[in-house]
Amino acid sequence: MKTTNNRLLRPMILALAFFLATPAVMASGYGYGYGYKKSNTILDKLVQIDGAQAVVAAALVVDEAGALTFSLAEILGDKNAEVILLAPGNAAFEKLLGLDPGTLNGLTIEEVKDALPTLLPPGVGAEEVAQILLKHVSLPKKASLWTASELALLLKGSIEVADESEFAVGVGATGVQVNYETTIIRANVTARNGVIHFIDTVIVDDLL
């Protein structure tokens, strides 16, 4: 019995050790989160961060086009929702769109929203952007640090997102990774309606 318990506890202890050793500092523009009031929603927090304009703008483009039967922005701003957001930063969108680093920083959300349709590859419109964003939103029964933290996802080994895809969560060469190639660069930013994990890559999963 003792051997069995040790086998079960060892991976948990290793995961916890990794979690505690992971630096809490992110790249410039994301050094926020814990200082915000927890009464703020995920949307409230995103609009205050220079470095998150692109993900908000993309959600607004999708909403204005009516590409989904519901509003992504409303879900992110719903105080009663339970949301885990894998939020690509501006740098992730710049990499996807082939823009120079820093191009989107300093712009307003409205400016990025207006520019986004012209920056998308030919044949990619609001419908495709909607399908991409659904891969970044998870709607569990409960999204708290007990159930939705980086450590919780790591111990579970996966995350199910809004389009019903299930992505592996594990430790890679660059840290905790989602879908084997996307790294969480700032974890556990709590909000009234869930948890934000900032990631370094837009997850397209063969959509582009």
N, C-alpha and C. Protein backbone atom coordinates (compact mmCIF):
# COMPACT_ATOMS: atom_id res chain seq x y z
N MET A 1 0.83 -1.21 0.00
CA MET A 1 0.00 0.00 0.00
C MET A 1 0.86 1.25 0.00
N LYS A 2 1.93 1.23 0.76
CA LYS A 2 2.83 2.36 0.85
C LYS A 2 3.46 2.64 -0.51
N THR A 3 3.87 1.58 -1.23
CA THR A 3 4.48 1.75 -2.56
C THR A 3 3.51 2.38 -3.53
N THR A 4 2.26 1.95 -3.50
CA THR A 4 1.23 2.51 -4.39
C THR A 4 1.04 3.99 -4.12
N ASN A 5 0.96 4.36 -2.84
CA ASN A 5 0.79 5.77 -2.48
C ASN A 5 1.96 6.61 -2.97
N ASN A 6 3.16 6.07 -2.82
CA ASN A 6 4.33 6.80 -3.28
C ASN A 6 4.30 7.02 -4.78
N ARG A 7 3.83 6.01 -5.51
CA ARG A 7 3.75 6.14 -6.96
C ARG A 7 2.75 7.22 -7.37
N LEU A 8 1.69 7.35 -6.61
CA LEU A 8 0.67 8.35 -6.90
C LEU A 8 1.12 9.75 -6.51
N LEU A 9 1.84 9.84 -5.40
CA LEU A 9 2.23 11.15 -4.89
C LEU A 9 3.41 11.76 -5.65
N ARG A 10 4.30 10.91 -6.17
CA ARG A 10 5.53 11.43 -6.77
C ARG A 10 5.27 12.39 -7.93
N PRO A 11 4.40 12.03 -8.94
CA PRO A 11 4.16 12.98 -10.01
C PRO A 11 3.51 14.28 -9.54
N MET A 12 2.69 14.19 -8.48
CA MET A 12 2.07 15.40 -7.95
C MET A 12 3.10 16.31 -7.30
N ILE A 13 4.04 15.71 -6.57
CA ILE A 13 5.09 16.49 -5.92
C ILE A 13 6.00 17.13 -6.96
N LEU A 14 6.33 16.37 -8.01
CA LEU A 14 7.17 16.92 -9.08
C LEU A 14 6.48 18.07 -9.78
N ALA A 15 5.18 17.92 -10.05
CA ALA A 15 4.43 18.98 -10.72
C ALA A 15 4.38 20.23 -9.85
N LEU A 16 4.15 20.04 -8.55
CA LEU A 16 4.10 21.18 -7.64
C LEU A 16 5.45 21.87 -7.57
N ALA A 17 6.52 21.11 -7.53
CA ALA A 17 7.86 21.69 -7.50
C ALA A 17 8.11 22.51 -8.75
N PHE A 18 7.68 21.99 -9.91
CA PHE A 18 7.86 22.74 -11.15
C PHE A 18 7.07 24.03 -11.11
N PHE A 19 5.84 23.94 -10.60
CA PHE A 19 4.96 25.10 -10.54
C PHE A 19 5.58 26.20 -9.68
N LEU A 20 6.10 25.82 -8.53
CA LEU A 20 6.68 26.80 -7.62
C LEU A 20 7.98 27.39 -8.16
N ALA A 21 8.67 26.64 -9.01
CA ALA A 21 9.94 27.12 -9.56
C ALA A 21 9.77 27.96 -10.80
N THR A 22 8.56 27.94 -11.42
CA THR A 22 8.35 28.68 -12.65
C THR A 22 8.35 30.17 -12.38
N PRO A 23 9.14 30.97 -13.12
CA PRO A 23 9.18 32.40 -12.87
C PRO A 23 7.81 33.02 -13.10
N ALA A 24 7.46 33.99 -12.25
CA ALA A 24 6.16 34.65 -12.36
C ALA A 24 6.21 35.85 -13.29
N VAL A 25 7.41 36.23 -13.74
CA VAL A 25 7.55 37.42 -14.55
C VAL A 25 7.38 37.08 -16.02
N MET A 26 6.57 37.89 -16.71
CA MET A 26 6.37 37.69 -18.13
C MET A 26 7.06 38.78 -18.90
N ALA A 27 6.92 38.71 -20.23
CA ALA A 27 7.45 39.75 -21.09
C ALA A 27 6.72 41.05 -20.81
N SER A 28 7.33 42.17 -21.20
CA SER A 28 6.75 43.48 -20.99
C SER A 28 5.36 43.53 -21.59
N GLY A 29 4.44 44.15 -20.83
CA GLY A 29 3.06 44.25 -21.29
C GLY A 29 2.14 43.27 -20.59
N TYR A 30 2.70 42.27 -19.89
CA TYR A 30 1.88 41.31 -19.19
C TYR A 30 2.22 41.24 -17.71
N GLY A 31 2.96 42.16 -17.21
CA GLY A 31 3.35 42.14 -15.82
C GLY A 31 2.22 42.61 -14.92
N TYR A 32 1.01 42.20 -15.21
CA TYR A 32 -0.18 42.59 -14.48
C TYR A 32 -0.94 41.34 -14.08
N GLY A 33 -2.06 41.52 -13.45
CA GLY A 33 -2.95 40.40 -13.20
C GLY A 33 -3.27 40.25 -11.73
N TYR A 34 -2.27 39.92 -10.92
CA TYR A 34 -2.54 39.68 -9.52
C TYR A 34 -2.94 40.95 -8.80
N GLY A 35 -2.53 42.10 -9.32
CA GLY A 35 -2.86 43.36 -8.68
C GLY A 35 -4.26 43.85 -8.98
N TYR A 36 -4.90 43.33 -9.98
CA TYR A 36 -6.25 43.75 -10.33
C TYR A 36 -7.25 43.21 -9.32
N LYS A 37 -8.35 43.93 -9.15
CA LYS A 37 -9.41 43.45 -8.29
C LYS A 37 -10.03 42.19 -8.89
N LYS A 38 -10.27 41.22 -8.03
CA LYS A 38 -10.86 39.97 -8.51
C LYS A 38 -12.30 40.17 -8.95
N SER A 39 -12.90 41.33 -8.61
CA SER A 39 -14.27 41.61 -9.05
C SER A 39 -14.31 41.90 -10.55
N ASN A 40 -13.15 42.23 -11.14
CA ASN A 40 -13.09 42.45 -12.58
C ASN A 40 -13.28 41.15 -13.33
N THR A 41 -13.97 41.22 -14.46
CA THR A 41 -14.11 40.05 -15.32
C THR A 41 -12.88 39.87 -16.18
N ILE A 42 -12.84 38.76 -16.89
CA ILE A 42 -11.74 38.51 -17.82
C ILE A 42 -11.67 39.64 -18.84
N LEU A 43 -12.80 40.07 -19.38
CA LEU A 43 -12.80 41.15 -20.36
C LEU A 43 -12.28 42.44 -19.75
N ASP A 44 -12.70 42.76 -18.52
CA ASP A 44 -12.20 43.95 -17.83
C ASP A 44 -10.67 43.95 -17.77
N LYS A 45 -10.12 42.81 -17.43
CA LYS A 45 -8.66 42.73 -17.28
C LYS A 45 -7.95 42.85 -18.62
N LEU A 46 -8.49 42.20 -19.64
CA LEU A 46 -7.84 42.23 -20.95
C LEU A 46 -7.76 43.65 -21.50
N VAL A 47 -8.83 44.43 -21.34
CA VAL A 47 -8.85 45.77 -21.94
C VAL A 47 -7.89 46.71 -21.22
N GLN A 48 -7.40 46.33 -20.06
CA GLN A 48 -6.46 47.18 -19.32
C GLN A 48 -5.00 46.84 -19.61
N ILE A 49 -4.76 45.78 -20.34
CA ILE A 49 -3.39 45.31 -20.55
C ILE A 49 -2.88 45.70 -21.93
N ASP A 50 -1.79 46.47 -21.99
CA ASP A 50 -1.14 46.75 -23.26
C ASP A 50 -0.36 45.50 -23.65
N GLY A 51 -0.87 44.78 -24.63
CA GLY A 51 -0.30 43.51 -25.01
C GLY A 51 -1.40 42.49 -25.26
N ALA A 52 -2.65 42.89 -24.93
CA ALA A 52 -3.78 41.98 -25.12
C ALA A 52 -4.84 42.57 -26.05
N GLN A 53 -4.50 43.66 -26.75
CA GLN A 53 -5.50 44.30 -27.62
C GLN A 53 -5.99 43.37 -28.72
N ALA A 54 -5.09 42.56 -29.26
CA ALA A 54 -5.43 41.76 -30.44
C ALA A 54 -6.49 40.71 -30.14
N VAL A 55 -6.40 40.06 -28.99
CA VAL A 55 -7.38 39.01 -28.68
C VAL A 55 -8.76 39.61 -28.44
N VAL A 56 -8.82 40.79 -27.81
CA VAL A 56 -10.10 41.46 -27.62
C VAL A 56 -10.64 41.91 -28.97
N ALA A 57 -9.78 42.49 -29.79
CA ALA A 57 -10.20 42.96 -31.12
C ALA A 57 -10.73 41.81 -31.96
N ALA A 58 -10.07 40.67 -31.90
CA ALA A 58 -10.52 39.51 -32.68
C ALA A 58 -11.91 39.06 -32.23
N ALA A 59 -12.16 39.07 -30.92
CA ALA A 59 -13.48 38.70 -30.41
C ALA A 59 -14.54 39.68 -30.89
N LEU A 60 -14.21 40.97 -30.95
CA LEU A 60 -15.16 41.97 -31.41
C LEU A 60 -15.44 41.83 -32.91
N VAL A 61 -14.43 41.51 -33.69
CA VAL A 61 -14.62 41.28 -35.13
C VAL A 61 -15.59 40.12 -35.35
N VAL A 62 -15.40 39.05 -34.59
CA VAL A 62 -16.27 37.88 -34.70
C VAL A 62 -17.71 38.24 -34.30
N ASP A 63 -17.85 39.00 -33.21
CA ASP A 63 -19.18 39.37 -32.74
C ASP A 63 -19.90 40.28 -33.73
N GLU A 64 -19.19 41.27 -34.25
CA GLU A 64 -19.82 42.21 -35.17
C GLU A 64 -20.24 41.54 -36.48
N ALA A 65 -19.52 40.50 -36.86
CA ALA A 65 -19.85 39.78 -38.09
C ALA A 65 -20.96 38.75 -37.86
N GLY A 66 -21.32 38.51 -36.62
CA GLY A 66 -22.33 37.50 -36.32
C GLY A 66 -21.88 36.10 -36.71
N ALA A 67 -20.57 35.85 -36.56
CA ALA A 67 -20.01 34.57 -37.00
C ALA A 67 -20.39 33.42 -36.07
N LEU A 68 -20.82 33.73 -34.86
CA LEU A 68 -21.26 32.71 -33.91
C LEU A 68 -22.69 33.04 -33.45
N THR A 69 -23.34 32.06 -32.87
CA THR A 69 -24.70 32.27 -32.39
C THR A 69 -24.72 32.92 -31.01
N PHE A 70 -23.55 33.20 -30.46
CA PHE A 70 -23.43 33.86 -29.17
C PHE A 70 -22.30 34.87 -29.26
N SER A 71 -22.18 35.72 -28.25
CA SER A 71 -21.15 36.76 -28.24
C SER A 71 -19.97 36.32 -27.36
N LEU A 72 -18.81 36.23 -27.97
CA LEU A 72 -17.61 35.90 -27.19
C LEU A 72 -17.29 36.98 -26.17
N ALA A 73 -17.43 38.24 -26.58
CA ALA A 73 -17.14 39.34 -25.66
C ALA A 73 -18.08 39.31 -24.47
N GLU A 74 -19.35 38.98 -24.71
CA GLU A 74 -20.30 38.91 -23.59
C GLU A 74 -19.94 37.80 -22.62
N ILE A 75 -19.49 36.66 -23.13
CA ILE A 75 -19.07 35.57 -22.24
C ILE A 75 -17.87 35.98 -21.40
N LEU A 76 -16.90 36.62 -22.04
CA LEU A 76 -15.71 37.04 -21.31
C LEU A 76 -16.03 38.13 -20.29
N GLY A 77 -17.10 38.87 -20.52
CA GLY A 77 -17.49 39.93 -19.60
C GLY A 77 -18.63 39.56 -18.67
N ASP A 78 -19.09 38.32 -18.72
CA ASP A 78 -20.20 37.86 -17.90
C ASP A 78 -19.70 37.48 -16.51
N LYS A 79 -20.14 38.21 -15.50
CA LYS A 79 -19.67 37.96 -14.14
C LYS A 79 -20.09 36.59 -13.61
N ASN A 80 -21.10 36.01 -14.20
CA ASN A 80 -21.60 34.73 -13.72
C ASN A 80 -21.08 33.54 -14.53
N ALA A 81 -20.26 33.81 -15.54
CA ALA A 81 -19.73 32.73 -16.37
C ALA A 81 -18.58 32.03 -15.66
N GLU A 82 -18.21 30.87 -16.17
CA GLU A 82 -17.05 30.11 -15.69
C GLU A 82 -16.17 29.86 -16.90
N VAL A 83 -15.04 30.58 -16.99
CA VAL A 83 -14.24 30.60 -18.22
C VAL A 83 -12.77 30.39 -17.91
N ILE A 84 -12.12 29.56 -18.72
CA ILE A 84 -10.66 29.54 -18.78
C ILE A 84 -10.29 30.10 -20.15
N LEU A 85 -9.50 31.15 -20.15
CA LEU A 85 -9.07 31.75 -21.42
C LEU A 85 -7.60 31.51 -21.64
N LEU A 86 -7.27 30.85 -22.75
CA LEU A 86 -5.89 30.76 -23.20
C LEU A 86 -5.69 31.95 -24.12
N ALA A 87 -5.11 33.00 -23.59
CA ALA A 87 -5.09 34.29 -24.28
C ALA A 87 -3.78 34.52 -25.04
N PRO A 88 -3.81 34.49 -26.36
CA PRO A 88 -2.60 34.84 -27.11
C PRO A 88 -2.34 36.34 -26.97
N GLY A 89 -1.11 36.69 -26.68
CA GLY A 89 -0.76 38.10 -26.61
C GLY A 89 -0.59 38.69 -27.99
N ASN A 90 -0.37 40.00 -28.02
CA ASN A 90 -0.14 40.67 -29.30
C ASN A 90 0.99 40.02 -30.09
N ALA A 91 2.04 39.63 -29.37
CA ALA A 91 3.20 39.03 -30.05
C ALA A 91 2.81 37.74 -30.77
N ALA A 92 1.89 36.99 -30.19
CA ALA A 92 1.43 35.75 -30.83
C ALA A 92 0.68 36.07 -32.13
N PHE A 93 -0.16 37.09 -32.10
CA PHE A 93 -0.88 37.49 -33.31
C PHE A 93 0.07 38.06 -34.35
N GLU A 94 1.07 38.81 -33.91
CA GLU A 94 2.07 39.35 -34.85
C GLU A 94 2.81 38.23 -35.57
N LYS A 95 3.14 37.18 -34.81
CA LYS A 95 3.83 36.03 -35.41
C LYS A 95 2.93 35.34 -36.42
N LEU A 96 1.65 35.17 -36.07
CA LEU A 96 0.71 34.51 -36.97
C LEU A 96 0.49 35.30 -38.25
N LEU A 97 0.42 36.63 -38.11
CA LEU A 97 0.11 37.50 -39.25
C LEU A 97 1.34 37.97 -40.01
N GLY A 98 2.52 37.59 -39.54
CA GLY A 98 3.75 37.99 -40.22
C GLY A 98 4.12 39.45 -40.01
N LEU A 99 3.73 40.02 -38.88
CA LEU A 99 4.03 41.42 -38.59
C LEU A 99 5.33 41.53 -37.79
N ASP A 100 5.94 42.69 -37.87
CA ASP A 100 7.14 42.94 -37.08
C ASP A 100 6.79 42.94 -35.59
N PRO A 101 7.68 42.45 -34.74
CA PRO A 101 7.41 42.46 -33.30
C PRO A 101 7.13 43.87 -32.79
N GLY A 102 6.10 44.00 -31.99
CA GLY A 102 5.75 45.29 -31.41
C GLY A 102 4.79 46.11 -32.24
N THR A 103 4.43 45.62 -33.42
CA THR A 103 3.56 46.38 -34.32
C THR A 103 2.23 46.75 -33.65
N LEU A 104 1.66 45.83 -32.90
CA LEU A 104 0.32 46.05 -32.34
C LEU A 104 0.34 46.73 -30.98
N ASN A 105 1.45 46.72 -30.30
CA ASN A 105 1.52 47.33 -28.98
C ASN A 105 1.33 48.83 -29.07
N GLY A 106 0.57 49.39 -28.15
CA GLY A 106 0.33 50.82 -28.12
C GLY A 106 -0.89 51.24 -28.91
N LEU A 107 -1.39 50.35 -29.78
CA LEU A 107 -2.61 50.65 -30.51
C LEU A 107 -3.82 50.42 -29.61
N THR A 108 -4.91 51.10 -29.90
CA THR A 108 -6.14 50.84 -29.15
C THR A 108 -6.80 49.58 -29.68
N ILE A 109 -7.70 49.04 -28.89
CA ILE A 109 -8.45 47.86 -29.33
C ILE A 109 -9.22 48.18 -30.60
N GLU A 110 -9.80 49.37 -30.67
CA GLU A 110 -10.57 49.77 -31.85
C GLU A 110 -9.67 49.84 -33.09
N GLU A 111 -8.45 50.35 -32.92
CA GLU A 111 -7.51 50.43 -34.06
C GLU A 111 -7.13 49.04 -34.54
N VAL A 112 -6.88 48.13 -33.62
CA VAL A 112 -6.53 46.76 -34.01
C VAL A 112 -7.73 46.09 -34.68
N LYS A 113 -8.93 46.32 -34.15
CA LYS A 113 -10.14 45.72 -34.73
C LYS A 113 -10.34 46.18 -36.17
N ASP A 114 -10.14 47.47 -36.40
CA ASP A 114 -10.32 48.01 -37.76
C ASP A 114 -9.26 47.48 -38.73
N ALA A 115 -8.05 47.24 -38.22
CA ALA A 115 -6.95 46.80 -39.08
C ALA A 115 -6.96 45.30 -39.32
N LEU A 116 -7.53 44.53 -38.38
CA LEU A 116 -7.42 43.08 -38.44
C LEU A 116 -7.92 42.46 -39.74
N PRO A 117 -9.08 42.86 -40.26
CA PRO A 117 -9.55 42.23 -41.52
C PRO A 117 -8.58 42.39 -42.68
N THR A 118 -7.84 43.49 -42.69
CA THR A 118 -6.89 43.72 -43.79
C THR A 118 -5.58 42.95 -43.58
N LEU A 119 -5.35 42.49 -42.35
CA LEU A 119 -4.10 41.79 -42.04
C LEU A 119 -4.23 40.28 -42.18
N LEU A 120 -5.47 39.79 -42.27
CA LEU A 120 -5.69 38.35 -42.36
C LEU A 120 -5.28 37.82 -43.72
N PRO A 121 -4.82 36.57 -43.78
CA PRO A 121 -4.46 35.97 -45.08
C PRO A 121 -5.68 35.92 -45.99
N PRO A 122 -5.47 35.90 -47.30
CA PRO A 122 -6.59 35.80 -48.26
C PRO A 122 -7.46 34.58 -47.96
N GLY A 123 -8.77 34.79 -48.01
CA GLY A 123 -9.70 33.70 -47.77
C GLY A 123 -10.02 33.45 -46.31
N VAL A 124 -9.40 34.20 -45.42
CA VAL A 124 -9.66 34.05 -43.99
C VAL A 124 -10.52 35.22 -43.54
N GLY A 125 -11.70 34.93 -43.03
CA GLY A 125 -12.62 35.96 -42.57
C GLY A 125 -13.05 35.74 -41.15
N ALA A 126 -14.15 36.38 -40.77
CA ALA A 126 -14.62 36.32 -39.39
C ALA A 126 -14.98 34.90 -38.96
N GLU A 127 -15.51 34.10 -39.88
CA GLU A 127 -15.89 32.73 -39.54
C GLU A 127 -14.67 31.91 -39.13
N GLU A 128 -13.58 32.07 -39.88
CA GLU A 128 -12.35 31.34 -39.56
C GLU A 128 -11.75 31.85 -38.25
N VAL A 129 -11.80 33.17 -38.05
CA VAL A 129 -11.29 33.74 -36.79
C VAL A 129 -12.10 33.21 -35.62
N ALA A 130 -13.41 33.08 -35.81
CA ALA A 130 -14.27 32.54 -34.76
C ALA A 130 -13.85 31.13 -34.38
N GLN A 131 -13.61 30.29 -35.37
CA GLN A 131 -13.21 28.91 -35.11
C GLN A 131 -11.87 28.84 -34.39
N ILE A 132 -10.99 29.78 -34.72
CA ILE A 132 -9.69 29.84 -34.03
C ILE A 132 -9.89 30.24 -32.57
N LEU A 133 -10.70 31.26 -32.33
CA LEU A 133 -10.90 31.74 -30.95
C LEU A 133 -11.56 30.69 -30.07
N LEU A 134 -12.42 29.87 -30.65
CA LEU A 134 -13.07 28.82 -29.85
C LEU A 134 -12.05 27.83 -29.29
N LYS A 135 -10.89 27.75 -29.91
CA LYS A 135 -9.83 26.86 -29.42
C LYS A 135 -9.08 27.46 -28.24
N HIS A 136 -9.45 28.68 -27.86
CA HIS A 136 -8.78 29.35 -26.76
C HIS A 136 -9.69 29.57 -25.55
N VAL A 137 -10.93 29.15 -25.67
CA VAL A 137 -11.91 29.36 -24.60
C VAL A 137 -12.39 28.00 -24.09
N SER A 138 -12.31 27.82 -22.79
CA SER A 138 -12.84 26.62 -22.16
C SER A 138 -13.94 27.04 -21.19
N LEU A 139 -15.01 26.27 -21.17
CA LEU A 139 -16.17 26.61 -20.33
C LEU A 139 -16.48 25.45 -19.37
N PRO A 140 -15.63 25.26 -18.37
CA PRO A 140 -15.85 24.16 -17.43
C PRO A 140 -17.00 24.49 -16.47
N LYS A 141 -17.39 23.50 -15.67
CA LYS A 141 -18.43 23.75 -14.68
C LYS A 141 -17.96 24.74 -13.63
N LYS A 142 -16.67 24.72 -13.32
CA LYS A 142 -16.11 25.64 -12.34
C LYS A 142 -14.72 26.05 -12.79
N ALA A 143 -14.47 27.37 -12.85
CA ALA A 143 -13.16 27.87 -13.27
C ALA A 143 -12.56 28.71 -12.15
N SER A 144 -11.91 28.05 -11.23
CA SER A 144 -11.22 28.71 -10.13
C SER A 144 -9.78 28.23 -10.12
N LEU A 145 -8.98 28.79 -9.22
CA LEU A 145 -7.59 28.33 -9.14
C LEU A 145 -7.49 26.87 -8.71
N TRP A 146 -8.53 26.35 -8.04
CA TRP A 146 -8.51 24.94 -7.66
C TRP A 146 -8.68 24.04 -8.88
N THR A 147 -9.44 24.51 -9.85
CA THR A 147 -9.79 23.66 -10.99
C THR A 147 -9.19 24.10 -12.31
N ALA A 148 -8.73 25.35 -12.38
CA ALA A 148 -8.32 25.91 -13.67
C ALA A 148 -6.93 26.54 -13.66
N SER A 149 -6.19 26.39 -12.57
CA SER A 149 -4.83 26.92 -12.52
C SER A 149 -3.93 26.13 -13.46
N GLU A 150 -2.75 26.66 -13.69
CA GLU A 150 -1.77 25.95 -14.50
C GLU A 150 -1.47 24.58 -13.91
N LEU A 151 -1.33 24.53 -12.59
CA LEU A 151 -1.05 23.25 -11.93
C LEU A 151 -2.21 22.27 -12.08
N ALA A 152 -3.45 22.78 -11.94
CA ALA A 152 -4.62 21.91 -12.08
C ALA A 152 -4.70 21.33 -13.49
N LEU A 153 -4.43 22.15 -14.49
CA LEU A 153 -4.45 21.66 -15.87
C LEU A 153 -3.33 20.66 -16.11
N LEU A 154 -2.17 20.95 -15.50
CA LEU A 154 -1.02 20.06 -15.67
C LEU A 154 -1.30 18.69 -15.05
N LEU A 155 -1.90 18.70 -13.88
CA LEU A 155 -2.20 17.43 -13.22
C LEU A 155 -3.28 16.66 -13.97
N LYS A 156 -4.24 17.38 -14.53
CA LYS A 156 -5.29 16.72 -15.33
C LYS A 156 -4.72 16.19 -16.62
N GLY A 157 -3.75 16.94 -17.20
CA GLY A 157 -3.10 16.49 -18.43
C GLY A 157 -3.76 16.93 -19.71
N SER A 158 -4.85 17.71 -19.60
CA SER A 158 -5.54 18.14 -20.81
C SER A 158 -6.50 19.28 -20.48
N ILE A 159 -6.99 19.94 -21.55
CA ILE A 159 -8.04 20.95 -21.41
C ILE A 159 -8.98 20.81 -22.59
N GLU A 160 -10.28 20.81 -22.31
CA GLU A 160 -11.28 20.77 -23.37
C GLU A 160 -11.74 22.18 -23.67
N VAL A 161 -11.72 22.56 -24.95
CA VAL A 161 -12.07 23.92 -25.34
C VAL A 161 -13.45 23.95 -25.98
N ALA A 162 -13.89 25.17 -26.33
CA ALA A 162 -15.29 25.38 -26.70
C ALA A 162 -15.71 24.69 -27.99
N ASP A 163 -14.78 24.35 -28.85
CA ASP A 163 -15.17 23.61 -30.06
C ASP A 163 -15.11 22.10 -29.86
N GLU A 164 -14.97 21.70 -28.58
CA GLU A 164 -14.94 20.29 -28.16
C GLU A 164 -13.62 19.60 -28.48
N SER A 165 -12.61 20.35 -28.91
CA SER A 165 -11.27 19.78 -29.02
C SER A 165 -10.70 19.59 -27.62
N GLU A 166 -9.86 18.59 -27.48
CA GLU A 166 -9.17 18.37 -26.21
C GLU A 166 -7.67 18.42 -26.46
N PHE A 167 -7.01 19.37 -25.80
CA PHE A 167 -5.59 19.58 -26.00
C PHE A 167 -4.80 19.03 -24.82
N ALA A 168 -3.69 18.38 -25.11
CA ALA A 168 -2.81 17.89 -24.06
C ALA A 168 -2.16 19.07 -23.35
N VAL A 169 -1.95 18.93 -22.05
CA VAL A 169 -1.21 19.90 -21.25
C VAL A 169 -0.07 19.16 -20.57
N GLY A 170 1.14 19.61 -20.79
CA GLY A 170 2.29 18.92 -20.21
C GLY A 170 3.48 19.85 -20.12
N VAL A 171 4.57 19.33 -19.59
CA VAL A 171 5.80 20.12 -19.45
C VAL A 171 6.69 19.88 -20.65
N GLY A 172 7.05 20.97 -21.32
CA GLY A 172 7.95 20.90 -22.46
C GLY A 172 9.24 21.64 -22.17
N ALA A 173 10.04 21.82 -23.21
CA ALA A 173 11.35 22.46 -23.05
C ALA A 173 11.23 23.91 -22.61
N THR A 174 10.11 24.57 -22.95
CA THR A 174 9.96 25.99 -22.64
C THR A 174 9.00 26.26 -21.48
N GLY A 175 8.52 25.20 -20.84
CA GLY A 175 7.60 25.38 -19.73
C GLY A 175 6.36 24.53 -19.91
N VAL A 176 5.27 24.94 -19.28
CA VAL A 176 4.02 24.21 -19.43
C VAL A 176 3.45 24.51 -20.82
N GLN A 177 3.13 23.47 -21.56
CA GLN A 177 2.68 23.63 -22.94
C GLN A 177 1.29 23.05 -23.15
N VAL A 178 0.56 23.70 -24.04
CA VAL A 178 -0.77 23.26 -24.46
C VAL A 178 -0.68 22.81 -25.91
N ASN A 179 -1.24 21.67 -26.21
CA ASN A 179 -1.23 21.15 -27.58
C ASN A 179 0.19 20.95 -28.10
N TYR A 180 1.12 20.68 -27.19
CA TYR A 180 2.51 20.30 -27.49
C TYR A 180 3.39 21.44 -28.01
N GLU A 181 2.84 22.55 -28.48
CA GLU A 181 3.69 23.57 -29.08
C GLU A 181 3.38 24.99 -28.64
N THR A 182 2.41 25.16 -27.77
CA THR A 182 2.05 26.49 -27.27
C THR A 182 2.41 26.58 -25.80
N THR A 183 3.22 27.57 -25.44
CA THR A 183 3.72 27.69 -24.08
C THR A 183 2.92 28.72 -23.29
N ILE A 184 2.56 28.37 -22.07
CA ILE A 184 1.94 29.35 -21.17
C ILE A 184 3.05 30.25 -20.63
N ILE A 185 2.94 31.55 -20.94
CA ILE A 185 4.00 32.48 -20.54
C ILE A 185 3.62 33.33 -19.33
N ARG A 186 2.36 33.34 -18.99
CA ARG A 186 1.92 33.93 -17.71
C ARG A 186 0.65 33.20 -17.29
N ALA A 187 0.72 32.57 -16.15
CA ALA A 187 -0.39 31.73 -15.71
C ALA A 187 -1.16 32.37 -14.56
N ASN A 188 -2.40 31.87 -14.38
CA ASN A 188 -3.15 32.09 -13.14
C ASN A 188 -3.53 33.54 -12.89
N VAL A 189 -3.88 34.27 -13.93
CA VAL A 189 -4.43 35.61 -13.74
C VAL A 189 -5.92 35.44 -13.45
N THR A 190 -6.30 35.70 -12.22
CA THR A 190 -7.66 35.40 -11.80
C THR A 190 -8.60 36.56 -12.08
N ALA A 191 -9.84 36.21 -12.36
CA ALA A 191 -10.91 37.18 -12.58
C ALA A 191 -12.17 36.68 -11.90
N ARG A 192 -13.17 37.53 -11.85
CA ARG A 192 -14.42 37.13 -11.19
C ARG A 192 -15.05 35.92 -11.88
N ASN A 193 -14.87 35.85 -13.20
CA ASN A 193 -15.53 34.77 -13.96
C ASN A 193 -14.56 33.73 -14.51
N GLY A 194 -13.37 33.64 -13.91
CA GLY A 194 -12.48 32.58 -14.36
C GLY A 194 -11.01 32.91 -14.25
N VAL A 195 -10.24 32.27 -15.10
CA VAL A 195 -8.78 32.35 -15.05
C VAL A 195 -8.23 32.56 -16.45
N ILE A 196 -7.25 33.45 -16.56
CA ILE A 196 -6.56 33.69 -17.83
C ILE A 196 -5.16 33.09 -17.76
N HIS A 197 -4.79 32.36 -18.82
CA HIS A 197 -3.41 31.92 -19.01
C HIS A 197 -2.94 32.54 -20.33
N PHE A 198 -1.95 33.42 -20.27
CA PHE A 198 -1.42 34.01 -21.49
C PHE A 198 -0.49 33.01 -22.18
N ILE A 199 -0.61 32.90 -23.49
CA ILE A 199 0.16 31.93 -24.26
C ILE A 199 0.93 32.63 -25.37
N ASP A 200 1.97 31.96 -25.87
CA ASP A 200 2.88 32.60 -26.81
C ASP A 200 2.53 32.36 -28.28
N THR A 201 1.51 31.57 -28.55
CA THR A 201 1.17 31.20 -29.92
C THR A 201 -0.34 31.15 -30.09
N VAL A 202 -0.83 31.62 -31.21
CA VAL A 202 -2.25 31.44 -31.53
C VAL A 202 -2.45 29.99 -31.98
N ILE A 203 -3.35 29.29 -31.33
CA ILE A 203 -3.62 27.89 -31.67
C ILE A 203 -4.54 27.83 -32.89
N VAL A 204 -4.02 27.38 -34.00
CA VAL A 204 -4.85 27.29 -35.21
C VAL A 204 -5.23 25.85 -35.52
N ASP A 205 -4.41 24.90 -35.10
CA ASP A 205 -4.74 23.48 -35.20
C ASP A 205 -5.27 23.10 -36.59
N ASP A 206 -4.48 23.42 -37.62
CA ASP A 206 -4.78 23.08 -39.02
C ASP A 206 -5.92 23.89 -39.63
N LEU A 207 -6.38 24.96 -38.95
CA LEU A 207 -7.43 25.78 -39.53
C LEU A 207 -6.90 26.73 -40.59
N LEU A 208 -5.61 27.04 -40.54
CA LEU A 208 -4.99 27.94 -41.54
C LEU A 208 -3.94 27.17 -42.31
